[in-house]
Amino acid sequence: MIKWNKVKNVTGYKVYVLENGKYVCKKTVKKGASVTLKGLKDCAYTTVSVVGYISSTVGTAYGDHCAKSFYTKPHNITEITQSNKTDTSYTLSWKKPSEAVNRYYLYRYNDKKGKYERIAVTKKTSYTVKGLTPGTVQRYTVMAALSKDGKVVSKSERVCNFECSTYLPQVKKLRLDSAT
C-alpha cells in the first residue's frame, strides 16, 4: 500500500509508475490518501509518483509530483514441508517465491515469550533444525527477502505457521514379567 499526506482542497490524486523511462498513470484516487497497486513485479525496483489535482469547469490544475523509489515485496511463503525427521532433528523446506529472492529468515515460536524468534538466515530453500528434544512440537515460519550489498531491501510477510515434531524415542527392552 502506498500512502501520502492529504493536500487540502484537491479533487483527487493521480498515481503514476515509471515504466521504461516514462510515467504511466495507474490509478486515480478521489477519496483518501492511499492506494494499493496490483500487477507490479515482485522484488522489482519501482518508482511511484503521486500528484494532486483540482478540477473545475475551466480545466484541471496539477500540483508538483512527489516520487519515491523502492523494491516491491516478494510473494509470501505459504507452505513449509518437513522431511528427514529423527528424534532430535528434521529438515524444513519451502518453494522459492520469486527468482529475485536471495535470502530466507527462519523463525521458531517461543512459547515462554509468546512470539516468534529468528533462528537462522539461509540462502537455500531448506534448513535442518538440530539439537531438538525428542517428542517435541515446534511452530515455524519463513520470510523471503531480497538483499543488495548486504542490506535487506525488500521482504515478505511471515504468514505460514507450520507445526512439526521430532519422533518420540522408541520403547526398548520390552519384557513380560508374568503371563495373564
N, C-alpha and C. Protein backbone atom coordinates (compact mmCIF):
# COMPACT_ATOMS: atom_id res chain seq x y z
N MET A 1 0.85 -1.17 0.00
CA MET A 1 0.00 0.00 0.00
C MET A 1 0.90 1.23 0.00
N ILE A 2 0.52 2.19 -0.81
CA ILE A 2 1.26 3.44 -0.90
C ILE A 2 0.40 4.52 -0.24
N LYS A 3 1.00 5.28 0.67
CA LYS A 3 0.29 6.31 1.41
C LYS A 3 1.00 7.64 1.23
N TRP A 4 0.26 8.72 1.38
CA TRP A 4 0.83 10.06 1.32
C TRP A 4 0.00 10.99 2.18
N ASN A 5 0.53 12.18 2.44
CA ASN A 5 -0.20 13.17 3.22
C ASN A 5 -1.25 13.83 2.34
N LYS A 6 -2.45 14.05 2.91
CA LYS A 6 -3.53 14.69 2.16
C LYS A 6 -3.17 16.15 1.86
N VAL A 7 -3.63 16.60 0.71
CA VAL A 7 -3.48 18.00 0.32
C VAL A 7 -4.87 18.63 0.38
N LYS A 8 -4.98 19.80 1.02
CA LYS A 8 -6.28 20.46 1.17
C LYS A 8 -6.84 20.88 -0.18
N ASN A 9 -8.14 20.75 -0.30
CA ASN A 9 -8.93 21.24 -1.43
C ASN A 9 -8.65 20.56 -2.77
N VAL A 10 -8.02 19.40 -2.78
CA VAL A 10 -7.81 18.72 -4.06
C VAL A 10 -9.06 17.93 -4.44
N THR A 11 -9.21 17.74 -5.74
CA THR A 11 -10.30 16.89 -6.25
C THR A 11 -9.91 15.43 -6.11
N GLY A 12 -8.61 15.15 -6.28
CA GLY A 12 -8.11 13.79 -6.18
C GLY A 12 -6.63 13.74 -6.44
N TYR A 13 -6.13 12.53 -6.65
CA TYR A 13 -4.70 12.31 -6.88
C TYR A 13 -4.54 11.37 -8.07
N LYS A 14 -3.49 11.56 -8.81
CA LYS A 14 -3.09 10.65 -9.89
C LYS A 14 -1.86 9.91 -9.39
N VAL A 15 -1.85 8.58 -9.58
CA VAL A 15 -0.74 7.75 -9.14
C VAL A 15 -0.07 7.17 -10.40
N TYR A 16 1.22 7.46 -10.55
CA TYR A 16 1.97 7.04 -11.72
C TYR A 16 3.06 6.05 -11.33
N VAL A 17 3.39 5.15 -12.26
CA VAL A 17 4.50 4.22 -12.09
C VAL A 17 5.45 4.44 -13.26
N LEU A 18 6.74 4.49 -12.96
CA LEU A 18 7.75 4.67 -14.00
C LEU A 18 7.96 3.34 -14.72
N GLU A 19 7.66 3.32 -16.02
CA GLU A 19 7.81 2.11 -16.84
C GLU A 19 8.58 2.47 -18.10
N ASN A 20 9.71 1.81 -18.30
CA ASN A 20 10.55 2.06 -19.49
C ASN A 20 10.87 3.54 -19.68
N GLY A 21 11.17 4.23 -18.59
CA GLY A 21 11.59 5.63 -18.66
C GLY A 21 10.46 6.63 -18.75
N LYS A 22 9.19 6.18 -18.71
CA LYS A 22 8.05 7.09 -18.79
C LYS A 22 7.09 6.81 -17.65
N TYR A 23 6.49 7.88 -17.11
CA TYR A 23 5.48 7.70 -16.07
C TYR A 23 4.14 7.34 -16.71
N VAL A 24 3.52 6.27 -16.20
CA VAL A 24 2.23 5.79 -16.69
C VAL A 24 1.23 5.90 -15.54
N CYS A 25 0.10 6.56 -15.78
CA CYS A 25 -0.94 6.70 -14.75
C CYS A 25 -1.60 5.34 -14.50
N LYS A 26 -1.53 4.87 -13.26
CA LYS A 26 -2.09 3.57 -12.90
C LYS A 26 -3.41 3.68 -12.15
N LYS A 27 -3.58 4.76 -11.40
CA LYS A 27 -4.79 4.92 -10.59
C LYS A 27 -5.13 6.39 -10.42
N THR A 28 -6.43 6.64 -10.28
CA THR A 28 -6.92 7.94 -9.86
C THR A 28 -7.63 7.72 -8.54
N VAL A 29 -7.22 8.46 -7.52
CA VAL A 29 -7.78 8.31 -6.18
C VAL A 29 -8.56 9.57 -5.86
N LYS A 30 -9.86 9.41 -5.59
CA LYS A 30 -10.70 10.58 -5.30
C LYS A 30 -11.00 10.72 -3.82
N LYS A 31 -10.85 9.64 -3.06
CA LYS A 31 -11.10 9.69 -1.62
C LYS A 31 -9.91 9.06 -0.92
N GLY A 32 -9.46 9.69 0.14
CA GLY A 32 -8.35 9.15 0.92
C GLY A 32 -7.00 9.53 0.34
N ALA A 33 -5.97 9.02 0.98
CA ALA A 33 -4.59 9.32 0.58
C ALA A 33 -3.76 8.05 0.61
N SER A 34 -4.29 7.00 -0.04
CA SER A 34 -3.55 5.74 -0.14
C SER A 34 -4.10 4.94 -1.31
N VAL A 35 -3.29 4.01 -1.78
CA VAL A 35 -3.69 3.16 -2.88
C VAL A 35 -2.88 1.87 -2.83
N THR A 36 -3.49 0.78 -3.28
CA THR A 36 -2.78 -0.47 -3.46
C THR A 36 -2.64 -0.70 -4.95
N LEU A 37 -1.41 -0.81 -5.41
CA LEU A 37 -1.16 -1.05 -6.82
C LEU A 37 -0.97 -2.54 -7.03
N LYS A 38 -1.73 -3.09 -7.95
CA LYS A 38 -1.61 -4.52 -8.26
C LYS A 38 -0.89 -4.69 -9.58
N GLY A 39 -0.32 -5.86 -9.78
CA GLY A 39 0.33 -6.16 -11.04
C GLY A 39 1.78 -5.74 -11.13
N LEU A 40 2.34 -5.22 -10.03
CA LEU A 40 3.75 -4.88 -10.04
C LEU A 40 4.57 -6.16 -9.86
N LYS A 41 5.66 -6.26 -10.56
CA LYS A 41 6.53 -7.43 -10.46
C LYS A 41 7.14 -7.48 -9.06
N ASP A 42 7.18 -8.67 -8.46
CA ASP A 42 7.73 -8.77 -7.11
C ASP A 42 9.25 -8.62 -7.13
N CYS A 43 9.78 -8.03 -6.08
CA CYS A 43 11.21 -7.77 -5.89
C CYS A 43 11.78 -6.85 -6.97
N ALA A 44 10.95 -6.02 -7.57
CA ALA A 44 11.42 -5.13 -8.64
C ALA A 44 11.64 -3.73 -8.09
N TYR A 45 12.69 -3.08 -8.58
CA TYR A 45 12.94 -1.68 -8.21
C TYR A 45 11.93 -0.83 -8.97
N THR A 46 11.10 -0.11 -8.24
CA THR A 46 9.96 0.61 -8.81
C THR A 46 9.96 2.05 -8.33
N THR A 47 9.55 2.97 -9.21
CA THR A 47 9.37 4.36 -8.83
C THR A 47 7.91 4.72 -9.02
N VAL A 48 7.30 5.28 -7.96
CA VAL A 48 5.90 5.69 -7.98
C VAL A 48 5.87 7.20 -7.73
N SER A 49 5.00 7.86 -8.44
CA SER A 49 4.83 9.31 -8.29
C SER A 49 3.35 9.60 -8.04
N VAL A 50 3.07 10.52 -7.10
CA VAL A 50 1.70 10.92 -6.81
C VAL A 50 1.60 12.43 -6.98
N VAL A 51 0.53 12.88 -7.61
CA VAL A 51 0.30 14.31 -7.81
C VAL A 51 -1.17 14.62 -7.51
N GLY A 52 -1.40 15.69 -6.78
CA GLY A 52 -2.76 16.14 -6.50
C GLY A 52 -3.26 16.99 -7.65
N TYR A 53 -4.57 17.02 -7.83
CA TYR A 53 -5.14 17.86 -8.88
C TYR A 53 -6.46 18.46 -8.42
N ILE A 54 -6.81 19.58 -9.05
CA ILE A 54 -8.09 20.25 -8.82
C ILE A 54 -8.78 20.38 -10.16
N SER A 55 -10.01 19.91 -10.23
CA SER A 55 -10.80 20.02 -11.47
C SER A 55 -11.85 21.11 -11.29
N SER A 56 -12.05 21.87 -12.33
CA SER A 56 -13.11 22.89 -12.34
C SER A 56 -13.71 22.93 -13.73
N THR A 57 -14.70 23.79 -13.92
CA THR A 57 -15.32 23.93 -15.24
C THR A 57 -14.35 24.51 -16.26
N VAL A 58 -13.31 25.18 -15.79
CA VAL A 58 -12.33 25.78 -16.68
C VAL A 58 -11.27 24.77 -17.11
N GLY A 59 -10.98 23.79 -16.27
CA GLY A 59 -9.95 22.80 -16.59
C GLY A 59 -9.42 22.12 -15.34
N THR A 60 -8.27 21.52 -15.47
CA THR A 60 -7.64 20.79 -14.36
C THR A 60 -6.26 21.37 -14.09
N ALA A 61 -5.99 21.62 -12.83
CA ALA A 61 -4.66 22.12 -12.42
C ALA A 61 -4.00 21.04 -11.58
N TYR A 62 -2.70 20.80 -11.85
CA TYR A 62 -1.93 19.76 -11.14
C TYR A 62 -0.88 20.38 -10.24
N GLY A 63 -0.67 19.75 -9.11
CA GLY A 63 0.40 20.17 -8.21
C GLY A 63 1.72 19.54 -8.63
N ASP A 64 2.71 19.63 -7.77
CA ASP A 64 4.01 19.02 -8.03
C ASP A 64 3.96 17.53 -7.72
N HIS A 65 4.72 16.79 -8.49
CA HIS A 65 4.82 15.34 -8.27
C HIS A 65 5.66 15.05 -7.03
N CYS A 66 5.27 14.04 -6.30
CA CYS A 66 6.07 13.52 -5.19
C CYS A 66 6.40 12.08 -5.55
N ALA A 67 7.68 11.77 -5.74
CA ALA A 67 8.08 10.44 -6.20
C ALA A 67 8.89 9.70 -5.14
N LYS A 68 8.77 8.39 -5.17
CA LYS A 68 9.52 7.54 -4.25
C LYS A 68 9.89 6.26 -4.99
N SER A 69 11.14 5.82 -4.82
CA SER A 69 11.60 4.56 -5.40
C SER A 69 11.79 3.53 -4.30
N PHE A 70 11.46 2.29 -4.61
CA PHE A 70 11.54 1.21 -3.62
C PHE A 70 11.53 -0.12 -4.33
N TYR A 71 11.84 -1.17 -3.59
CA TYR A 71 11.72 -2.54 -4.09
C TYR A 71 10.36 -3.07 -3.67
N THR A 72 9.64 -3.68 -4.59
CA THR A 72 8.37 -4.30 -4.24
C THR A 72 8.64 -5.57 -3.43
N LYS A 73 7.64 -6.01 -2.68
CA LYS A 73 7.79 -7.18 -1.82
C LYS A 73 7.76 -8.47 -2.63
N PRO A 74 8.51 -9.48 -2.17
CA PRO A 74 8.37 -10.80 -2.78
C PRO A 74 7.07 -11.45 -2.31
N HIS A 75 6.62 -12.46 -3.03
CA HIS A 75 5.44 -13.19 -2.58
C HIS A 75 5.73 -13.87 -1.25
N ASN A 76 4.70 -14.07 -0.47
CA ASN A 76 4.85 -14.75 0.82
C ASN A 76 5.05 -16.24 0.63
N ILE A 77 5.79 -16.84 1.53
CA ILE A 77 5.95 -18.29 1.54
C ILE A 77 4.72 -18.85 2.24
N THR A 78 3.98 -19.69 1.53
CA THR A 78 2.70 -20.15 2.06
C THR A 78 2.70 -21.63 2.45
N GLU A 79 3.81 -22.32 2.20
CA GLU A 79 3.85 -23.75 2.55
C GLU A 79 5.26 -24.15 2.97
N ILE A 80 5.34 -24.86 4.07
CA ILE A 80 6.60 -25.40 4.56
C ILE A 80 6.40 -26.90 4.71
N THR A 81 7.37 -27.69 4.28
CA THR A 81 7.27 -29.14 4.45
C THR A 81 8.39 -29.64 5.35
N GLN A 82 8.17 -30.79 5.94
CA GLN A 82 9.12 -31.40 6.86
C GLN A 82 9.60 -32.72 6.28
N SER A 83 10.91 -32.99 6.40
CA SER A 83 11.46 -34.27 5.94
C SER A 83 12.65 -34.65 6.83
N ASN A 84 13.22 -35.82 6.57
CA ASN A 84 14.40 -36.30 7.30
C ASN A 84 14.23 -36.20 8.81
N LYS A 85 13.08 -36.59 9.29
CA LYS A 85 12.74 -36.47 10.70
C LYS A 85 13.44 -37.53 11.53
N THR A 86 14.05 -37.11 12.63
CA THR A 86 14.63 -38.03 13.61
C THR A 86 14.07 -37.65 14.98
N ASP A 87 14.65 -38.22 16.04
CA ASP A 87 14.18 -37.84 17.37
C ASP A 87 14.74 -36.50 17.84
N THR A 88 15.79 -35.96 17.16
CA THR A 88 16.38 -34.68 17.59
C THR A 88 16.55 -33.66 16.46
N SER A 89 16.09 -33.99 15.25
CA SER A 89 16.26 -33.04 14.13
C SER A 89 15.25 -33.32 13.01
N TYR A 90 15.12 -32.37 12.11
CA TYR A 90 14.34 -32.51 10.88
C TYR A 90 14.75 -31.40 9.92
N THR A 91 14.36 -31.57 8.67
CA THR A 91 14.66 -30.56 7.65
C THR A 91 13.35 -29.91 7.23
N LEU A 92 13.36 -28.57 7.20
CA LEU A 92 12.22 -27.79 6.72
C LEU A 92 12.54 -27.29 5.32
N SER A 93 11.56 -27.34 4.42
CA SER A 93 11.75 -26.91 3.03
C SER A 93 10.58 -26.06 2.59
N TRP A 94 10.81 -25.20 1.60
CA TRP A 94 9.78 -24.33 1.04
C TRP A 94 10.14 -24.01 -0.40
N LYS A 95 9.19 -23.49 -1.15
CA LYS A 95 9.42 -23.12 -2.54
C LYS A 95 9.89 -21.67 -2.63
N LYS A 96 10.76 -21.42 -3.57
CA LYS A 96 11.25 -20.06 -3.82
C LYS A 96 10.11 -19.24 -4.42
N PRO A 97 9.70 -18.14 -3.76
CA PRO A 97 8.54 -17.39 -4.24
C PRO A 97 8.83 -16.48 -5.44
N SER A 98 10.11 -16.17 -5.68
CA SER A 98 10.48 -15.28 -6.77
C SER A 98 11.93 -15.51 -7.13
N GLU A 99 12.25 -15.37 -8.40
CA GLU A 99 13.64 -15.54 -8.83
C GLU A 99 14.58 -14.58 -8.11
N ALA A 100 14.10 -13.38 -7.82
CA ALA A 100 14.96 -12.36 -7.22
C ALA A 100 15.28 -12.60 -5.75
N VAL A 101 14.49 -13.40 -5.06
CA VAL A 101 14.72 -13.65 -3.63
C VAL A 101 16.07 -14.34 -3.45
N ASN A 102 16.88 -13.83 -2.52
CA ASN A 102 18.20 -14.41 -2.31
C ASN A 102 18.51 -14.69 -0.84
N ARG A 103 17.51 -14.60 0.02
CA ARG A 103 17.74 -14.85 1.44
C ARG A 103 16.42 -15.23 2.11
N TYR A 104 16.53 -16.10 3.12
CA TYR A 104 15.36 -16.54 3.88
C TYR A 104 15.65 -16.42 5.37
N TYR A 105 14.66 -15.96 6.11
CA TYR A 105 14.75 -15.85 7.56
C TYR A 105 13.80 -16.86 8.17
N LEU A 106 14.34 -17.76 8.98
CA LEU A 106 13.54 -18.81 9.61
C LEU A 106 13.29 -18.43 11.06
N TYR A 107 12.00 -18.51 11.46
CA TYR A 107 11.60 -18.15 12.82
C TYR A 107 10.94 -19.35 13.49
N ARG A 108 11.19 -19.49 14.80
CA ARG A 108 10.53 -20.53 15.61
C ARG A 108 9.77 -19.83 16.72
N TYR A 109 8.58 -20.33 17.00
CA TYR A 109 7.75 -19.74 18.05
C TYR A 109 8.29 -20.12 19.42
N ASN A 110 8.46 -19.12 20.28
CA ASN A 110 8.91 -19.32 21.65
C ASN A 110 7.69 -19.22 22.55
N ASP A 111 7.23 -20.36 23.08
CA ASP A 111 6.04 -20.38 23.92
C ASP A 111 6.19 -19.52 25.17
N LYS A 112 7.37 -19.52 25.77
CA LYS A 112 7.58 -18.76 27.01
C LYS A 112 7.47 -17.26 26.78
N LYS A 113 7.98 -16.79 25.64
CA LYS A 113 7.95 -15.35 25.33
C LYS A 113 6.71 -14.95 24.54
N GLY A 114 5.99 -15.95 24.00
CA GLY A 114 4.77 -15.66 23.25
C GLY A 114 5.00 -14.98 21.91
N LYS A 115 6.16 -15.27 21.27
CA LYS A 115 6.43 -14.64 19.97
C LYS A 115 7.42 -15.48 19.17
N TYR A 116 7.49 -15.19 17.87
CA TYR A 116 8.47 -15.86 17.00
C TYR A 116 9.84 -15.21 17.18
N GLU A 117 10.87 -16.06 17.14
CA GLU A 117 12.26 -15.58 17.23
C GLU A 117 13.05 -16.15 16.04
N ARG A 118 13.88 -15.31 15.48
CA ARG A 118 14.68 -15.76 14.34
C ARG A 118 15.73 -16.75 14.81
N ILE A 119 15.80 -17.90 14.11
CA ILE A 119 16.79 -18.92 14.47
C ILE A 119 17.83 -19.13 13.39
N ALA A 120 17.54 -18.65 12.16
CA ALA A 120 18.50 -18.87 11.08
C ALA A 120 18.25 -17.92 9.92
N VAL A 121 19.33 -17.66 9.19
CA VAL A 121 19.28 -16.96 7.91
C VAL A 121 20.00 -17.86 6.92
N THR A 122 19.36 -18.12 5.78
CA THR A 122 19.96 -19.02 4.80
C THR A 122 19.67 -18.53 3.38
N LYS A 123 20.51 -18.95 2.46
CA LYS A 123 20.29 -18.64 1.05
C LYS A 123 19.60 -19.81 0.34
N LYS A 124 19.46 -20.92 1.05
CA LYS A 124 18.85 -22.13 0.49
C LYS A 124 17.36 -22.18 0.79
N THR A 125 16.64 -23.03 0.08
CA THR A 125 15.20 -23.20 0.32
C THR A 125 14.92 -24.37 1.27
N SER A 126 15.89 -24.66 2.10
CA SER A 126 15.70 -25.67 3.15
C SER A 126 16.66 -25.38 4.29
N TYR A 127 16.31 -25.92 5.45
CA TYR A 127 17.16 -25.73 6.63
C TYR A 127 16.94 -26.91 7.56
N THR A 128 18.04 -27.46 8.07
CA THR A 128 17.95 -28.58 9.02
C THR A 128 18.05 -28.02 10.44
N VAL A 129 17.01 -28.29 11.22
CA VAL A 129 16.95 -27.87 12.62
C VAL A 129 17.48 -29.03 13.45
N LYS A 130 18.50 -28.76 14.26
CA LYS A 130 19.16 -29.82 15.05
C LYS A 130 19.09 -29.51 16.54
N GLY A 131 19.42 -30.51 17.35
CA GLY A 131 19.51 -30.33 18.79
C GLY A 131 18.16 -30.21 19.48
N LEU A 132 17.15 -30.80 18.90
CA LEU A 132 15.81 -30.71 19.47
C LEU A 132 15.58 -31.80 20.50
N THR A 133 14.63 -31.59 21.37
CA THR A 133 14.25 -32.58 22.37
C THR A 133 13.32 -33.59 21.72
N PRO A 134 13.57 -34.89 21.94
CA PRO A 134 12.69 -35.90 21.35
C PRO A 134 11.22 -35.71 21.76
N GLY A 135 10.33 -35.89 20.79
CA GLY A 135 8.89 -35.82 21.06
C GLY A 135 8.34 -34.42 21.22
N THR A 136 9.07 -33.40 20.78
CA THR A 136 8.57 -32.03 20.93
C THR A 136 7.92 -31.53 19.64
N VAL A 137 7.00 -30.59 19.81
CA VAL A 137 6.32 -29.95 18.69
C VAL A 137 6.75 -28.49 18.66
N GLN A 138 7.12 -28.02 17.48
CA GLN A 138 7.56 -26.63 17.30
C GLN A 138 6.76 -25.99 16.18
N ARG A 139 6.63 -24.66 16.21
CA ARG A 139 5.98 -23.91 15.13
C ARG A 139 7.03 -23.03 14.45
N TYR A 140 6.97 -23.01 13.11
CA TYR A 140 7.93 -22.24 12.32
C TYR A 140 7.23 -21.37 11.30
N THR A 141 7.93 -20.35 10.88
CA THR A 141 7.51 -19.52 9.76
C THR A 141 8.77 -19.04 9.04
N VAL A 142 8.64 -18.76 7.74
CA VAL A 142 9.78 -18.33 6.94
C VAL A 142 9.42 -17.03 6.22
N MET A 143 10.37 -16.12 6.19
CA MET A 143 10.20 -14.85 5.48
C MET A 143 11.22 -14.80 4.34
N ALA A 144 10.75 -14.52 3.13
CA ALA A 144 11.64 -14.37 1.97
C ALA A 144 12.13 -12.92 1.91
N ALA A 145 13.36 -12.74 1.43
CA ALA A 145 13.91 -11.38 1.35
C ALA A 145 14.81 -11.22 0.14
N LEU A 146 14.92 -9.98 -0.28
CA LEU A 146 15.85 -9.58 -1.33
C LEU A 146 16.91 -8.72 -0.66
N SER A 147 18.16 -9.11 -0.83
CA SER A 147 19.28 -8.40 -0.22
C SER A 147 20.16 -7.82 -1.32
N LYS A 148 20.58 -6.58 -1.14
CA LYS A 148 21.51 -5.92 -2.06
C LYS A 148 22.64 -5.33 -1.22
N ASP A 149 23.87 -5.67 -1.58
CA ASP A 149 25.04 -5.16 -0.87
C ASP A 149 24.96 -5.40 0.63
N GLY A 150 24.46 -6.58 1.01
CA GLY A 150 24.39 -6.97 2.42
C GLY A 150 23.24 -6.35 3.20
N LYS A 151 22.38 -5.61 2.53
CA LYS A 151 21.26 -4.95 3.22
C LYS A 151 19.94 -5.47 2.65
N VAL A 152 18.99 -5.79 3.54
CA VAL A 152 17.67 -6.24 3.10
C VAL A 152 16.92 -5.03 2.53
N VAL A 153 16.51 -5.13 1.27
CA VAL A 153 15.80 -4.03 0.62
C VAL A 153 14.31 -4.33 0.43
N SER A 154 13.95 -5.60 0.57
CA SER A 154 12.55 -5.99 0.43
C SER A 154 12.34 -7.33 1.11
N LYS A 155 11.20 -7.47 1.80
CA LYS A 155 10.93 -8.75 2.47
C LYS A 155 9.44 -9.05 2.45
N SER A 156 9.13 -10.33 2.48
CA SER A 156 7.74 -10.78 2.50
C SER A 156 7.21 -10.71 3.93
N GLU A 157 5.96 -11.05 4.08
CA GLU A 157 5.36 -11.17 5.41
C GLU A 157 5.59 -12.60 5.90
N ARG A 158 5.50 -12.79 7.22
CA ARG A 158 5.56 -14.14 7.77
C ARG A 158 4.12 -14.61 7.93
N VAL A 159 3.63 -15.39 6.98
CA VAL A 159 2.21 -15.77 7.01
C VAL A 159 1.97 -17.25 7.26
N CYS A 160 2.91 -18.08 6.92
CA CYS A 160 2.72 -19.53 7.04
C CYS A 160 3.22 -20.00 8.40
N ASN A 161 2.33 -20.53 9.22
CA ASN A 161 2.70 -21.09 10.50
C ASN A 161 2.64 -22.60 10.38
N PHE A 162 3.80 -23.24 10.51
CA PHE A 162 3.89 -24.68 10.27
C PHE A 162 4.33 -25.38 11.54
N GLU A 163 3.59 -26.40 11.94
CA GLU A 163 3.96 -27.19 13.12
C GLU A 163 4.62 -28.48 12.69
N CYS A 164 5.69 -28.83 13.36
CA CYS A 164 6.33 -30.12 13.11
C CYS A 164 6.89 -30.66 14.42
N SER A 165 7.19 -31.95 14.41
CA SER A 165 7.63 -32.58 15.65
C SER A 165 8.75 -33.58 15.38
N THR A 166 9.49 -33.84 16.43
CA THR A 166 10.51 -34.90 16.38
C THR A 166 9.83 -36.21 16.77
N TYR A 167 10.51 -37.32 16.47
CA TYR A 167 9.98 -38.62 16.88
C TYR A 167 10.14 -38.79 18.38
N LEU A 168 9.19 -39.50 18.95
CA LEU A 168 9.35 -39.93 20.34
C LEU A 168 10.32 -41.11 20.35
N PRO A 169 11.14 -41.22 21.38
CA PRO A 169 12.05 -42.37 21.43
C PRO A 169 11.24 -43.68 21.47
N GLN A 170 11.77 -44.68 20.83
CA GLN A 170 11.11 -45.98 20.79
C GLN A 170 11.22 -46.67 22.15
N VAL A 171 10.15 -47.34 22.53
CA VAL A 171 10.17 -48.14 23.75
C VAL A 171 11.14 -49.28 23.51
N LYS A 172 12.06 -49.48 24.45
CA LYS A 172 13.06 -50.55 24.29
C LYS A 172 13.01 -51.50 25.47
N LYS A 173 13.58 -52.65 25.27
CA LYS A 173 13.69 -53.69 26.30
C LYS A 173 12.33 -54.04 26.89
N LEU A 174 11.40 -54.32 26.01
CA LEU A 174 10.08 -54.76 26.44
C LEU A 174 10.20 -56.16 27.02
N ARG A 175 9.63 -56.37 28.18
CA ARG A 175 9.73 -57.68 28.79
C ARG A 175 8.38 -58.06 29.42
N LEU A 176 8.22 -59.29 29.63
CA LEU A 176 6.98 -59.80 30.18
C LEU A 176 7.32 -60.35 31.59
N ASP A 177 6.75 -59.71 32.60
CA ASP A 177 7.02 -60.14 33.96
C ASP A 177 6.16 -61.34 34.38
N SER A 178 4.94 -61.37 33.92
CA SER A 178 4.06 -62.50 34.23
C SER A 178 3.03 -62.64 33.12
N ALA A 179 2.64 -63.85 32.85
CA ALA A 179 1.62 -64.11 31.83
C ALA A 179 0.26 -64.07 32.48
N THR A 180 -0.68 -63.43 31.81
CA THR A 180 -2.06 -63.42 32.35
C THR A 180 -2.99 -64.13 31.44
